[in-house]
């Protein structure tokens, strides 16, 4: 315990790459009744400073890779204390060991209430939006001790060693790190590396981990002789989230890892809204599963009228607890996410089948309107990713003098491939209606996917629309 005043918000922040120390900072905050704020270490100083100011952070934890940047961020945000590990000689950084040694040698109060993490979503439409982890993602309990008791009952804590492969500023890895409070051994990789992940599973007999589809793609690209080197039989649950997983990729992962994949669809703002295990997914490939309590699916047309099963429309979820989405310090953004109180959207288009399984077909914001016809890129993307020479792609709408917009495909080719745009367009036309087919294929080296596997299509579209002005 420290005498530093954390203020009424009681917030501390971690701004570093993956490591044991950043886990300790977050876990220490949890058991001390603090709300911890994970900050993406890729952010600029101005972006990170905004988060620290908005969250009212009072102590910033940094690693050696960005300690100097952390000092500047803290100065801009008015954070009075910066603590770092392996940061000897960097002015303004208090050594982590000294910070621990200077703590009062008394037990914390037993009646401390647990405080949920405060996470910030990407700022693709302005400033990042802060949201506390909802009750569905943050184990309940009136006191910290009760919270830890419930964490001990979670699958990550009961099944064995938990492996963290994603950055700890994302919800999945951060939530997984809390399994150590419940007694589970924890293995943390500094960053994702496909073979290093297999090696860690093999050497530490890992039972659970959280991944994103991009991780699957990179694992599948490993040579067969590398895949055969490692024993993966310890795996019990491999949760995946963050982005839509191509059907072929998931089929291949289940064939390789076994039926241990568990997909969780949702968002930081609300937690998991739908879930599906491998067995159900094999029955309904492409589904993100049935809704989990307290959520129920609601599909509506453009006027907000509810649609029957198997009818595509705007996908909403009813939170039967009435909470919905709550953004920190932003009532207007909270209201904009709702059709009515407690009925919110994550911005997706989809449908629900007769058995209650939810299918995501696209996003509202990704829709291309060409000649007055709505075209959703996801259907084409799902087809084109199956081409053997396509590693990754994104379809976007760009200006068209006659049609208003036209859809093009930005494609990363397999290394050494000589496939031409016309061949790929022909592949698509054999499988979808011609009006849905992109008018053009452009080869690119990178799509700017985030560590969570997401693509910022607004950023991809921006250069085309800037030239049209």
Protein backbone atom coordinates (compact mmCIF):
# COMPACT_ATOMS: atom_id res chain seq x y z
CA UNK A 1 0.00 0.00 0.00
CA UNK A 2 1.23 3.48 -0.88
CA UNK A 3 0.41 6.93 0.36
CA UNK A 4 0.04 8.29 -3.18
CA UNK A 5 -3.47 9.71 -3.47
CA UNK A 6 -5.31 7.90 -6.23
CA UNK A 7 -8.34 10.16 -5.99
CA UNK A 8 -11.96 8.99 -6.10
CA UNK A 9 -11.46 7.13 -9.40
CA UNK A 10 -8.58 5.05 -7.91
CA UNK A 11 -7.02 4.43 -11.33
CA UNK A 12 -3.55 3.27 -12.31
CA UNK A 13 -2.38 2.51 -15.87
CA UNK A 14 -0.04 0.11 -17.64
CA UNK A 15 1.75 1.42 -20.74
CA UNK A 16 4.25 -1.25 -21.77
CA UNK A 17 4.88 -4.33 -23.82
CA UNK A 18 3.95 -7.77 -22.45
CA UNK A 19 5.86 -8.94 -19.41
CA UNK A 20 5.53 -10.39 -15.94
CA UNK A 21 5.73 -6.94 -14.37
CA UNK A 22 2.77 -5.48 -16.24
CA UNK A 23 0.71 -8.49 -15.15
CA UNK A 24 1.79 -7.82 -11.55
CA UNK A 25 0.81 -4.16 -11.89
CA UNK A 26 -2.69 -5.05 -13.08
CA UNK A 27 -3.16 -7.83 -10.54
CA UNK A 28 -1.77 -5.63 -7.76
CA UNK A 29 -4.25 -2.96 -8.73
CA UNK A 30 -7.08 -5.48 -8.70
CA UNK A 31 -6.39 -6.78 -5.18
CA UNK A 32 -5.83 -3.22 -3.93
CA UNK A 33 -9.28 -2.16 -5.08
CA UNK A 34 -7.97 -0.04 -7.98
CA UNK A 35 -9.32 0.29 -11.49
CA UNK A 36 -6.46 -0.42 -13.89
CA UNK A 37 -6.22 1.08 -17.36
CA UNK A 38 -4.30 -0.83 -20.07
CA UNK A 39 -2.83 1.61 -22.61
CA UNK A 40 -1.72 0.51 -26.08
CA UNK A 41 2.04 1.07 -26.18
CA UNK A 42 1.82 1.81 -29.92
CA UNK A 43 -0.13 5.03 -29.27
CA UNK A 44 1.49 8.41 -29.71
CA UNK A 45 2.19 10.52 -26.63
CA UNK A 46 -0.83 12.76 -27.34
CA UNK A 47 -3.17 9.76 -27.75
CA UNK A 48 -1.94 8.07 -24.58
CA UNK A 49 -2.05 11.34 -22.63
CA UNK A 50 -5.72 11.79 -23.54
CA UNK A 51 -6.52 8.36 -22.07
CA UNK A 52 -4.62 9.08 -18.87
CA UNK A 53 -6.36 12.42 -18.42
CA UNK A 54 -9.81 11.08 -19.24
CA UNK A 55 -9.36 8.14 -16.85
CA UNK A 56 -7.89 10.31 -14.05
CA UNK A 57 -4.88 7.98 -13.74
CA UNK A 58 -2.51 8.78 -10.87
CA UNK A 59 0.25 6.16 -11.31
CA UNK A 60 1.67 5.02 -14.66
CA UNK A 61 3.63 1.75 -15.02
CA UNK A 62 6.07 1.48 -17.93
CA UNK A 63 8.59 -1.00 -19.33
CA UNK A 64 12.09 -0.40 -20.68
CA UNK A 65 10.92 -0.24 -24.29
CA UNK A 66 8.88 2.94 -23.81
CA UNK A 67 9.97 4.40 -20.48
CA UNK A 68 11.04 7.74 -21.97
CA UNK A 69 7.75 8.01 -23.86
CA UNK A 70 5.94 7.17 -20.63
CA UNK A 71 7.59 10.06 -18.81
CA UNK A 72 6.49 12.45 -21.57
CA UNK A 73 2.95 11.04 -21.56
CA UNK A 74 2.74 11.42 -17.78
CA UNK A 75 3.99 15.02 -18.02
CA UNK A 76 1.32 15.90 -20.60
CA UNK A 77 -1.43 14.20 -18.63
CA UNK A 78 -0.38 15.48 -15.23
CA UNK A 79 0.23 11.99 -13.81
CA UNK A 80 2.36 12.49 -10.68
CA UNK A 81 4.10 9.11 -10.52
CA UNK A 82 5.82 6.91 -13.13
CA UNK A 83 7.06 3.46 -12.09
CA UNK A 84 9.15 1.25 -14.39
CA UNK A 85 11.02 -2.02 -14.53
CA UNK A 86 14.52 -2.36 -15.97
CA UNK A 87 14.55 1.43 -16.47
CA UNK A 88 17.71 2.32 -14.55
CA UNK A 89 19.10 5.74 -15.40
CA UNK A 90 15.93 7.11 -17.02
CA UNK A 91 15.00 10.40 -15.37
CA UNK A 92 11.52 10.58 -13.96
CA UNK A 93 11.04 6.80 -13.61
CA UNK A 94 10.85 5.25 -10.14
CA UNK A 95 12.32 1.72 -10.11
CA UNK A 96 9.71 -1.01 -9.77
CA UNK A 97 11.66 -2.83 -7.03
CA UNK A 98 11.95 0.37 -5.01
CA UNK A 99 8.26 1.03 -5.47
CA UNK A 100 7.43 -2.42 -4.07
CA UNK A 101 9.90 -2.10 -1.20
CA UNK A 102 8.49 1.27 -0.15
CA UNK A 103 4.98 -0.05 0.35
CA UNK A 104 3.53 -0.09 3.86
CA UNK A 105 3.96 -3.48 5.52
CA UNK A 106 0.33 -3.78 6.56
CA UNK A 107 -2.54 -5.82 5.18
CA UNK A 108 -5.05 -3.97 2.99
CA UNK A 109 -8.56 -3.42 4.33
CA UNK A 110 -10.73 -6.51 4.01
CA UNK A 111 -13.76 -4.56 2.85
CA UNK A 112 -12.20 -3.14 -0.33
CA UNK A 113 -14.56 -3.32 -3.32
CA UNK A 114 -13.14 -4.64 -6.61
CA UNK A 115 -12.95 -2.08 -9.39
CA UNK A 116 -13.31 -3.13 -13.05
CA UNK A 117 -10.66 -2.30 -15.62
CA UNK A 118 -11.28 0.77 -17.76
CA UNK A 119 -10.44 0.05 -21.41
CA UNK A 120 -10.41 2.39 -24.38
CA UNK A 121 -11.65 1.31 -27.78
CA UNK A 122 -9.90 2.45 -30.94
CA UNK A 123 -10.39 6.06 -31.88
CA UNK A 124 -11.31 5.49 -35.55
CA UNK A 125 -14.21 7.93 -35.31
CA UNK A 126 -12.59 10.51 -33.06
CA UNK A 127 -11.23 10.18 -29.56
CA UNK A 128 -11.03 6.67 -28.06
CA UNK A 129 -14.10 5.68 -26.07
CA UNK A 130 -13.56 4.48 -22.51
CA UNK A 131 -15.67 1.71 -21.06
CA UNK A 132 -15.42 -0.23 -17.82
CA UNK A 133 -15.40 -4.00 -18.17
CA UNK A 134 -19.06 -5.01 -17.76
CA UNK A 135 -20.35 -7.37 -15.06
CA UNK A 136 -20.36 -10.27 -17.55
CA UNK A 137 -16.56 -9.96 -17.91
CA UNK A 138 -15.61 -8.90 -14.41
CA UNK A 139 -16.39 -11.50 -11.72
CA UNK A 140 -18.85 -10.14 -9.19
CA UNK A 141 -18.29 -9.89 -5.46
CA UNK A 142 -18.89 -7.21 -2.87
CA UNK A 143 -15.25 -7.37 -1.75
CA UNK A 144 -11.92 -8.10 -3.43
CA UNK A 145 -11.71 -11.42 -1.56
CA UNK A 146 -15.13 -12.50 -2.91
CA UNK A 147 -14.10 -11.43 -6.40
CA UNK A 148 -10.94 -13.56 -6.21
CA UNK A 149 -12.95 -16.54 -4.96
CA UNK A 150 -15.15 -16.32 -8.05
CA UNK A 151 -12.13 -15.98 -10.33
CA UNK A 152 -10.91 -19.28 -8.92
CA UNK A 153 -14.01 -20.94 -10.40
CA UNK A 154 -13.42 -19.66 -13.95
CA UNK A 155 -12.38 -22.14 -16.71
CA UNK A 156 -9.03 -20.39 -17.16
CA UNK A 157 -8.27 -20.99 -13.47
CA UNK A 158 -9.59 -24.56 -13.16
CA UNK A 159 -8.28 -26.21 -16.34
CA UNK A 160 -4.55 -25.64 -15.91
CA UNK A 161 -1.81 -23.40 -17.32
CA UNK A 162 -3.08 -20.32 -19.15
CA UNK A 163 -1.00 -18.96 -22.04
CA UNK A 164 -1.09 -15.28 -23.03
CA UNK A 165 -0.06 -14.63 -26.64
CA UNK A 166 -1.82 -11.32 -27.38
CA UNK A 167 -0.96 -7.83 -26.10
CA UNK A 168 -2.11 -7.14 -22.55
CA UNK A 169 -3.83 -3.92 -23.55
CA UNK A 170 -6.57 -6.04 -25.18
CA UNK A 171 -9.53 -7.43 -23.27
CA UNK A 172 -8.93 -11.15 -23.85
CA UNK A 173 -5.28 -11.34 -22.70
CA UNK A 174 -5.94 -8.92 -19.84
CA UNK A 175 -8.91 -10.93 -18.58
CA UNK A 176 -6.93 -14.14 -18.98
CA UNK A 177 -4.14 -12.76 -16.80
CA UNK A 178 -6.58 -12.61 -13.89
CA UNK A 179 -6.64 -16.42 -13.84
CA UNK A 180 -3.44 -16.24 -11.78
CA UNK A 181 -5.51 -14.75 -8.94
CA UNK A 182 -7.62 -17.91 -9.08
CA UNK A 183 -4.54 -20.11 -8.73
CA UNK A 184 -3.76 -20.98 -12.36
CA UNK A 185 -0.13 -20.89 -13.55
CA UNK A 186 0.38 -18.19 -16.19
CA UNK A 187 2.77 -18.12 -19.16
CA UNK A 188 3.22 -14.77 -20.92
CA UNK A 189 4.83 -14.41 -24.35
CA UNK A 190 6.44 -11.01 -25.03
CA UNK A 191 4.66 -10.94 -28.39
CA UNK A 192 2.99 -13.42 -30.69
CA UNK A 193 5.26 -15.71 -32.64
CA UNK A 194 3.71 -18.77 -34.29
CA UNK A 195 6.39 -21.35 -33.48
CA UNK A 196 7.08 -19.84 -30.06
CA UNK A 197 3.39 -20.32 -29.25
CA UNK A 198 3.54 -24.02 -30.16
CA UNK A 199 6.75 -24.40 -28.17
CA UNK A 200 5.17 -22.79 -25.10
CA UNK A 201 2.15 -25.10 -25.28
CA UNK A 202 4.47 -28.11 -25.59
CA UNK A 203 6.93 -27.13 -22.86
CA UNK A 204 4.47 -25.77 -20.28
CA UNK A 205 1.54 -28.12 -21.02
CA UNK A 206 -0.76 -25.13 -21.56
CA UNK A 207 -4.48 -25.86 -21.26
CA UNK A 208 -6.15 -22.56 -22.17
CA UNK A 209 -5.43 -19.44 -24.20
CA UNK A 210 -7.18 -16.62 -26.06
CA UNK A 211 -6.38 -15.98 -29.72
CA UNK A 212 -7.62 -14.03 -32.73
CA UNK A 213 -8.06 -15.32 -36.31
CA UNK A 214 -4.83 -13.67 -37.45
CA UNK A 215 -2.97 -15.94 -35.02
CA UNK A 216 -4.67 -18.96 -36.62
CA UNK A 217 -3.62 -17.87 -40.10
CA UNK A 218 0.01 -17.48 -39.03
CA UNK A 219 0.02 -20.83 -37.25
CA UNK A 220 -1.39 -22.57 -40.32
CA UNK A 221 1.34 -21.04 -42.48
CA UNK A 222 4.04 -22.89 -40.52
CA UNK A 223 5.70 -25.77 -42.40
CA UNK A 224 4.25 -29.18 -41.60
CA UNK A 225 7.55 -30.38 -40.16
CA UNK A 226 7.45 -27.51 -37.63
CA UNK A 227 3.84 -28.29 -36.65
CA UNK A 228 4.72 -31.94 -36.04
CA UNK A 229 7.52 -31.06 -33.60
CA UNK A 230 5.19 -30.03 -30.78
CA UNK A 231 2.71 -31.92 -28.61
CA UNK A 232 -0.51 -29.91 -28.25
CA UNK A 233 -2.55 -32.55 -26.45
CA UNK A 234 -2.65 -30.48 -23.23
CA UNK A 235 -5.02 -27.93 -24.81
CA UNK A 236 -8.53 -27.91 -23.37
CA UNK A 237 -10.06 -24.59 -24.47
CA UNK A 238 -8.75 -22.20 -27.13
CA UNK A 239 -11.02 -19.17 -27.05
CA UNK A 240 -11.00 -16.87 -30.03
CA UNK A 241 -12.47 -13.46 -30.55
CA UNK A 242 -11.64 -10.04 -32.00
CA UNK A 243 -12.62 -10.51 -35.67
CA UNK A 244 -14.57 -12.77 -38.00
CA UNK A 245 -12.72 -16.03 -38.62
CA UNK A 246 -12.79 -17.34 -42.22
CA UNK A 247 -14.67 -20.63 -42.39
CA UNK A 248 -11.81 -22.51 -44.06
CA UNK A 249 -9.29 -21.27 -41.49
CA UNK A 250 -11.45 -22.44 -38.59
CA UNK A 251 -12.09 -25.84 -40.21
CA UNK A 252 -8.34 -26.37 -40.53
CA UNK A 253 -7.67 -25.28 -36.95
CA UNK A 254 -10.26 -27.71 -35.56
CA UNK A 255 -8.76 -30.50 -37.67
CA UNK A 256 -5.33 -29.69 -36.22
CA UNK A 257 -6.02 -28.69 -32.59
CA UNK A 258 -9.12 -30.85 -32.14
CA UNK A 259 -12.58 -29.67 -31.02
CA UNK A 260 -11.18 -27.29 -28.40
CA UNK A 261 -11.99 -24.00 -30.15
CA UNK A 262 -14.56 -21.83 -28.39
CA UNK A 263 -15.63 -18.66 -30.20
CA UNK A 264 -16.73 -15.66 -28.16
CA UNK A 265 -18.48 -12.87 -30.07
CA UNK A 266 -19.04 -9.53 -28.42
CA UNK A 267 -17.13 -6.40 -27.51
CA UNK A 268 -15.21 -4.79 -24.68
CA UNK A 269 -18.26 -2.65 -23.92
CA UNK A 270 -20.54 -5.59 -23.11
CA UNK A 271 -18.42 -8.72 -22.94
CA UNK A 272 -19.46 -11.92 -24.71
CA UNK A 273 -22.92 -11.73 -26.28
CA UNK A 274 -22.75 -15.04 -28.20
CA UNK A 275 -20.63 -18.17 -27.88
CA UNK A 276 -20.21 -21.39 -29.83
CA UNK A 277 -18.15 -24.52 -29.28
CA UNK A 278 -16.46 -26.56 -32.00
CA UNK A 279 -19.18 -29.20 -32.22
CA UNK A 280 -21.99 -26.66 -32.80
CA UNK A 281 -19.82 -24.65 -35.19
CA UNK A 282 -19.26 -27.74 -37.34
CA UNK A 283 -23.06 -28.05 -37.56
CA UNK A 284 -23.43 -24.36 -38.43
CA UNK A 285 -20.16 -23.17 -40.02
CA UNK A 286 -19.77 -19.41 -39.86
CA UNK A 287 -22.10 -18.91 -36.90
CA UNK A 288 -20.92 -16.97 -33.85
CA UNK A 289 -23.25 -19.04 -31.68
CA UNK A 290 -26.29 -18.57 -29.53
CA UNK A 291 -26.72 -15.61 -27.21
CA UNK A 292 -25.55 -16.07 -23.64
CA UNK A 293 -27.37 -14.57 -20.63
CA UNK A 294 -28.27 -11.79 -20.14
CA UNK A 295 -28.41 -11.14 -23.90
CA UNK A 296 -31.06 -11.88 -26.53
CA UNK A 297 -30.74 -11.26 -30.31
CA UNK A 298 -32.88 -8.66 -32.06
CA UNK A 299 -32.72 -8.24 -35.86
CA UNK A 300 -34.40 -5.15 -37.32
CA UNK A 301 -34.88 -3.45 -40.69
CA UNK A 302 -33.67 0.07 -41.46
CA UNK A 303 -36.77 1.50 -39.74
CA UNK A 304 -36.24 -0.45 -36.52
CA UNK A 305 -38.95 -3.05 -37.13
CA UNK A 306 -38.10 -6.53 -35.82
CA UNK A 307 -37.54 -9.21 -38.47
CA UNK A 308 -38.29 -12.95 -38.36
CA UNK A 309 -35.74 -15.78 -38.23
CA UNK A 310 -33.45 -16.28 -41.24
CA UNK A 311 -33.96 -12.67 -42.38
CA UNK A 312 -30.91 -10.45 -42.69
CA UNK A 313 -31.02 -7.06 -41.02
CA UNK A 314 -29.32 -4.84 -38.49
CA UNK A 315 -28.25 -6.92 -35.52
CA UNK A 316 -29.01 -5.68 -32.03
CA UNK A 317 -28.89 -7.34 -28.62
CA UNK A 318 -31.29 -6.91 -25.75
CA UNK A 319 -29.57 -6.76 -22.37
CA UNK A 320 -32.23 -8.19 -20.07
CA UNK A 321 -30.48 -6.45 -17.15
CA UNK A 322 -31.11 -3.14 -18.89
CA UNK A 323 -27.47 -1.99 -18.87
CA UNK A 324 -26.50 -2.12 -22.52
CA UNK A 325 -23.42 -0.10 -23.50
CA UNK A 326 -22.02 2.53 -21.15
CA UNK A 327 -19.19 4.79 -22.29
CA UNK A 328 -17.11 6.59 -19.68
CA UNK A 329 -17.85 10.34 -19.58
CA UNK A 330 -19.89 10.17 -22.82
CA UNK A 331 -23.66 9.88 -22.51
CA UNK A 332 -24.20 10.80 -26.17
CA UNK A 333 -22.06 7.96 -27.51
CA UNK A 334 -23.78 5.58 -25.10
CA UNK A 335 -27.20 6.69 -26.38
CA UNK A 336 -26.14 6.41 -30.05
CA UNK A 337 -25.33 2.71 -29.63
CA UNK A 338 -28.93 1.90 -28.63
CA UNK A 339 -32.16 1.38 -30.53
CA UNK A 340 -33.97 1.85 -27.24
CA UNK A 341 -32.85 1.50 -23.60
CA UNK A 342 -31.04 -1.79 -23.09
CA UNK A 343 -31.15 -2.71 -26.82
CA UNK A 344 -27.75 -2.01 -28.36
CA UNK A 345 -25.78 -2.75 -31.51
CA UNK A 346 -22.15 -3.55 -32.18
CA UNK A 347 -22.61 -2.22 -35.72
CA UNK A 348 -23.17 -5.56 -37.45
CA UNK A 349 -25.55 -6.90 -40.09
CA UNK A 350 -26.73 -10.48 -39.63
CA UNK A 351 -29.54 -12.96 -39.02
CA UNK A 352 -30.63 -15.63 -36.56
CA UNK A 353 -31.56 -19.13 -37.75
CA UNK A 354 -34.46 -21.27 -36.51
CA UNK A 355 -32.33 -22.77 -33.73
CA UNK A 356 -31.20 -19.40 -32.40
CA UNK A 357 -27.69 -19.39 -33.87
CA UNK A 358 -26.48 -15.93 -34.87
CA UNK A 359 -24.69 -15.28 -38.17
CA UNK A 360 -22.77 -12.07 -38.89
CA UNK A 361 -22.82 -11.07 -42.55
CA UNK A 362 -21.32 -7.57 -42.49
CA UNK A 363 -21.06 -4.20 -40.75
CA UNK A 364 -23.30 -1.15 -41.20
CA UNK A 365 -20.31 1.09 -41.77
CA UNK A 366 -18.70 -1.23 -44.35
CA UNK A 367 -21.73 -1.27 -46.65
CA UNK A 368 -21.08 -0.04 -50.21
CA UNK A 369 -23.95 1.73 -51.98
CA UNK A 370 -23.38 1.38 -55.74
CA UNK A 371 -26.05 2.71 -58.09
CA UNK A 372 -28.56 2.66 -55.21
CA UNK A 373 -27.86 -1.03 -54.43
CA UNK A 374 -26.53 -2.04 -51.02
CA UNK A 375 -23.50 -4.35 -51.27
CA UNK A 376 -21.97 -5.95 -48.20
CA UNK A 377 -18.24 -6.74 -48.62
CA UNK A 378 -18.09 -9.66 -46.17
CA UNK A 379 -19.67 -12.16 -48.56
CA UNK A 380 -17.03 -11.48 -51.21
CA UNK A 381 -14.24 -11.49 -48.62
CA UNK A 382 -15.36 -14.90 -47.39
CA UNK A 383 -15.18 -16.25 -50.95
CA UNK A 384 -11.89 -14.68 -51.95
CA UNK A 385 -9.99 -15.73 -48.81
CA UNK A 386 -10.48 -19.34 -49.96
CA UNK A 387 -8.36 -18.74 -53.07
CA UNK A 388 -5.01 -20.52 -52.56
CA UNK A 389 -2.99 -17.46 -53.61
CA UNK A 390 -4.74 -15.01 -51.25
CA UNK A 391 -3.21 -14.48 -47.80
CA UNK A 392 -5.47 -11.62 -46.68
CA UNK A 393 -7.82 -9.06 -48.17
CA UNK A 394 -10.31 -6.28 -47.54
CA UNK A 395 -13.09 -5.01 -49.80
CA UNK A 396 -13.90 -1.30 -49.61
CA UNK A 397 -16.03 1.25 -51.41
CA UNK A 398 -14.31 4.02 -53.37
CA UNK A 399 -15.76 6.96 -55.35
CA UNK A 400 -17.30 6.32 -58.76
CA UNK A 401 -18.50 9.18 -60.99
CA UNK A 402 -21.38 7.16 -62.41
CA UNK A 403 -22.42 4.79 -59.62
CA UNK A 404 -21.53 6.92 -56.59
CA UNK A 405 -19.37 4.12 -55.20
CA UNK A 406 -17.78 0.98 -56.51
CA UNK A 407 -16.25 -1.86 -54.56
CA UNK A 408 -12.62 -2.87 -54.94
CA UNK A 409 -10.60 -5.63 -53.29
CA UNK A 410 -7.24 -4.91 -51.64
CA UNK A 411 -5.37 -8.22 -51.66
CA UNK A 412 -2.16 -9.57 -50.13
CA UNK A 413 -0.85 -12.34 -52.40
CA UNK A 414 0.90 -15.46 -51.23
CA UNK A 415 4.67 -15.00 -51.46
CA UNK A 416 5.88 -16.04 -54.91
CA UNK A 417 2.38 -16.02 -56.42
CA UNK A 418 1.87 -14.65 -59.93
CA UNK A 419 -1.94 -14.66 -59.79
CA UNK A 420 -3.43 -11.72 -61.70
CA UNK A 421 -6.45 -9.53 -60.79
CA UNK A 422 -8.57 -10.95 -63.61
CA UNK A 423 -8.16 -14.48 -62.28
CA UNK A 424 -9.33 -13.45 -58.83
CA UNK A 425 -12.33 -11.58 -60.20
CA UNK A 426 -13.23 -14.66 -62.22
CA UNK A 427 -12.97 -16.79 -59.08
CA UNK A 428 -15.45 -14.49 -57.31
CA UNK A 429 -17.91 -14.36 -60.24
CA UNK A 430 -18.16 -18.13 -60.26
CA UNK A 431 -19.37 -18.02 -56.66
CA UNK A 432 -21.43 -14.86 -56.06
CA UNK A 433 -23.84 -12.68 -58.03
CA UNK A 434 -22.09 -10.43 -60.54
CA UNK A 435 -23.43 -7.21 -59.02
CA UNK A 436 -21.64 -8.09 -55.76
CA UNK A 437 -18.30 -8.67 -57.47
CA UNK A 438 -15.58 -6.02 -56.94
CA UNK A 439 -14.82 -3.99 -60.06
CA UNK A 440 -11.10 -4.07 -59.40
CA UNK A 441 -8.41 -5.98 -57.48
CA UNK A 442 -5.35 -4.15 -56.22
CA UNK A 443 -2.39 -5.94 -54.68
CA UNK A 444 -0.99 -4.46 -51.45
CA UNK A 445 1.76 -5.39 -49.01
CA UNK A 446 -0.17 -4.67 -45.82
CA UNK A 447 -3.72 -4.01 -44.63
CA UNK A 448 -2.82 -2.52 -41.28
CA UNK A 449 -4.47 -5.20 -39.15
CA UNK A 450 -4.28 -4.52 -35.43
CA UNK A 451 -2.89 -7.00 -32.92
CA UNK A 452 -6.50 -8.10 -32.37
CA UNK A 453 -6.81 -8.96 -36.05
CA UNK A 454 -9.11 -6.06 -36.94
CA UNK A 455 -8.93 -3.93 -40.08
CA UNK A 456 -9.67 -0.22 -39.98
CA UNK A 457 -11.61 0.12 -43.23
CA UNK A 458 -12.19 3.82 -42.66
CA UNK A 459 -8.42 4.29 -42.83
CA UNK A 460 -8.16 2.14 -45.98
CA UNK A 461 -10.90 4.17 -47.68
CA UNK A 462 -9.57 7.58 -46.66
CA UNK A 463 -6.94 8.10 -49.44
CA UNK A 464 -9.46 7.33 -52.19
CA UNK A 465 -12.07 9.72 -50.83
CA UNK A 466 -9.51 12.45 -50.12
CA UNK A 467 -8.54 12.43 -53.80
CA UNK A 468 -12.20 12.73 -54.77
CA UNK A 469 -12.71 16.02 -52.91
